[in-house]
Amino acid sequence: MEKVKQSKKRWAWTEAQIRRYWSRGSWYTPPSWFREDYHRANRAYERAEINKILNGYIDDDSYIGTKHHSSSAKWDWT
């Protein structure tokens, strides 16, 4: 990306660079230590559901989903 010279010692961002920077959404992404609780809860939930199937409490053809959707961490972070 070509930079536009603003002054003798500084460089200005182009409009495309500014749009790309703000559209990344990095300010909206929660940190990994916050998301780890959601991954741990999903693993525990899926493990419990598999044990229920193996013990006969749930039918074999039932759908095993996740407890938390991947985007729920973002909603709880903001």
C-alpha atoms as a PDB file:
ATOM      1  CA  MET A   1       0.000   0.000   0.000  1.00  0.00           C
ATOM      2  CA  GLU A   2       1.400   3.361  -0.931  1.00  0.00           C
ATOM      3  CA  LYS A   3       1.701   5.916   1.845  1.00  0.00           C
ATOM      4  CA  VAL A   4       1.023   9.599   1.337  1.00  0.00           C
ATOM      5  CA  LYS A   5       3.628  11.934   2.728  1.00  0.00           C
ATOM      6  CA  GLN A   6       2.149  14.297   5.272  1.00  0.00           C
ATOM      7  CA  SER A   7       5.159  16.190   6.568  1.00  0.00           C
ATOM      8  CA  LYS A   8       8.894  15.871   6.689  1.00  0.00           C
ATOM      9  CA  LYS A   9       8.990  13.238   9.434  1.00  0.00           C
ATOM     10  CA  ARG A  10       5.458  11.755   9.478  1.00  0.00           C
ATOM     11  CA  TRP A  11       3.412   9.623   7.103  1.00  0.00           C
ATOM     12  CA  ALA A  12      -0.345   9.866   6.803  1.00  0.00           C
ATOM     13  CA  TRP A  13      -2.615   6.899   6.352  1.00  0.00           C
ATOM     14  CA  THR A  14      -4.479   6.613   3.083  1.00  0.00           C
ATOM     15  CA  GLU A  15      -8.258   6.292   3.095  1.00  0.00           C
ATOM     16  CA  ALA A  16      -8.011   2.609   2.156  1.00  0.00           C
ATOM     17  CA  GLN A  17      -5.696   1.922   5.081  1.00  0.00           C
ATOM     18  CA  ILE A  18      -8.064   3.637   7.488  1.00  0.00           C
ATOM     19  CA  ARG A  19     -11.044   1.661   6.182  1.00  0.00           C
ATOM     20  CA  ARG A  20      -9.135  -1.619   6.411  1.00  0.00           C
ATOM     21  CA  TYR A  21      -7.964  -0.885   9.954  1.00  0.00           C
ATOM     22  CA  TRP A  22     -11.406  -0.051  11.312  1.00  0.00           C
ATOM     23  CA  SER A  23     -13.205  -2.848   9.455  1.00  0.00           C
ATOM     24  CA  ARG A  24     -11.033  -5.537  11.042  1.00  0.00           C
ATOM     25  CA  GLY A  25     -13.081  -5.473  14.215  1.00  0.00           C
ATOM     26  CA  SER A  26     -10.083  -6.322  16.382  1.00  0.00           C
ATOM     27  CA  TRP A  27     -11.377  -3.987  19.077  1.00  0.00           C
ATOM     28  CA  TYR A  28     -14.514  -6.128  19.280  1.00  0.00           C
ATOM     29  CA  THR A  29     -12.840  -9.516  19.699  1.00  0.00           C
ATOM     30  CA  PRO A  30     -12.647 -10.750  23.289  1.00  0.00           C
ATOM     31  CA  PRO A  31      -9.274 -11.999  24.543  1.00  0.00           C
ATOM     32  CA  SER A  32      -8.414 -15.686  24.570  1.00  0.00           C
ATOM     33  CA  TRP A  33      -8.625 -15.998  28.369  1.00  0.00           C
ATOM     34  CA  PHE A  34     -12.272 -14.916  28.171  1.00  0.00           C
ATOM     35  CA  ARG A  35     -13.137 -17.326  25.349  1.00  0.00           C
ATOM     36  CA  GLU A  36     -11.514 -20.301  27.099  1.00  0.00           C
ATOM     37  CA  ASP A  37     -14.427 -20.586  29.548  1.00  0.00           C
ATOM     38  CA  TYR A  38     -16.813 -21.002  26.621  1.00  0.00           C
ATOM     39  CA  HIS A  39     -14.646 -23.704  25.046  1.00  0.00           C
ATOM     40  CA  ARG A  40     -14.391 -25.507  28.381  1.00  0.00           C
ATOM     41  CA  ALA A  41     -18.170 -25.350  28.882  1.00  0.00           C
ATOM     42  CA  ASN A  42     -18.765 -26.705  25.374  1.00  0.00           C
ATOM     43  CA  ARG A  43     -16.381 -29.619  25.932  1.00  0.00           C
ATOM     44  CA  ALA A  44     -18.025 -30.494  29.252  1.00  0.00           C
ATOM     45  CA  TYR A  45     -21.509 -30.263  27.734  1.00  0.00           C
ATOM     46  CA  GLU A  46     -20.616 -32.480  24.771  1.00  0.00           C
ATOM     47  CA  ARG A  47     -18.925 -35.008  27.034  1.00  0.00           C
ATOM     48  CA  ALA A  48     -22.030 -35.170  29.243  1.00  0.00           C
ATOM     49  CA  GLU A  49     -24.278 -35.647  26.199  1.00  0.00           C
ATOM     50  CA  ILE A  50     -22.117 -38.493  24.877  1.00  0.00           C
ATOM     51  CA  ASN A  51     -22.255 -40.195  28.265  1.00  0.00           C
ATOM     52  CA  LYS A  52     -26.052 -39.905  28.248  1.00  0.00           C
ATOM     53  CA  ILE A  53     -26.179 -41.558  24.820  1.00  0.00           C
ATOM     54  CA  LEU A  54     -23.827 -44.338  25.894  1.00  0.00           C
ATOM     55  CA  ASN A  55     -25.863 -45.006  29.037  1.00  0.00           C
ATOM     56  CA  GLY A  56     -29.149 -45.051  27.127  1.00  0.00           C
ATOM     57  CA  TYR A  57     -30.784 -41.900  28.474  1.00  0.00           C
ATOM     58  CA  ILE A  58     -30.955 -40.278  25.009  1.00  0.00           C
ATOM     59  CA  ASP A  59     -31.624 -41.866  21.599  1.00  0.00           C
ATOM     60  CA  ASP A  60     -28.652 -42.548  19.345  1.00  0.00           C
ATOM     61  CA  ASP A  61     -30.036 -40.415  16.526  1.00  0.00           C
ATOM     62  CA  SER A  62     -30.353 -37.257  18.653  1.00  0.00           C
ATOM     63  CA  TYR A  63     -28.450 -34.158  17.696  1.00  0.00           C
ATOM     64  CA  ILE A  64     -25.605 -33.036  19.947  1.00  0.00           C
ATOM     65  CA  GLY A  65     -25.205 -29.287  19.743  1.00  0.00           C
ATOM     66  CA  THR A  66     -22.977 -26.926  21.625  1.00  0.00           C
ATOM     67  CA  LYS A  67     -23.936 -25.135  24.793  1.00  0.00           C
ATOM     68  CA  HIS A  68     -22.506 -21.781  23.718  1.00  0.00           C
ATOM     69  CA  HIS A  69     -22.295 -20.531  20.165  1.00  0.00           C
ATOM     70  CA  SER A  70     -18.921 -19.128  19.159  1.00  0.00           C
ATOM     71  CA  SER A  71     -20.325 -15.621  18.839  1.00  0.00           C
ATOM     72  CA  SER A  72     -21.819 -15.589  22.323  1.00  0.00           C
ATOM     73  CA  ALA A  73     -18.429 -14.702  23.807  1.00  0.00           C
ATOM     74  CA  LYS A  74     -18.460 -11.506  21.756  1.00  0.00           C
ATOM     75  CA  TRP A  75     -21.905 -10.537  23.015  1.00  0.00           C
ATOM     76  CA  ASP A  76     -20.938 -11.146  26.623  1.00  0.00           C
ATOM     77  CA  TRP A  77     -17.640  -9.282  26.246  1.00  0.00           C
ATOM     78  CA  THR A  78     -19.214  -6.001  25.131  1.00  0.00           C
END
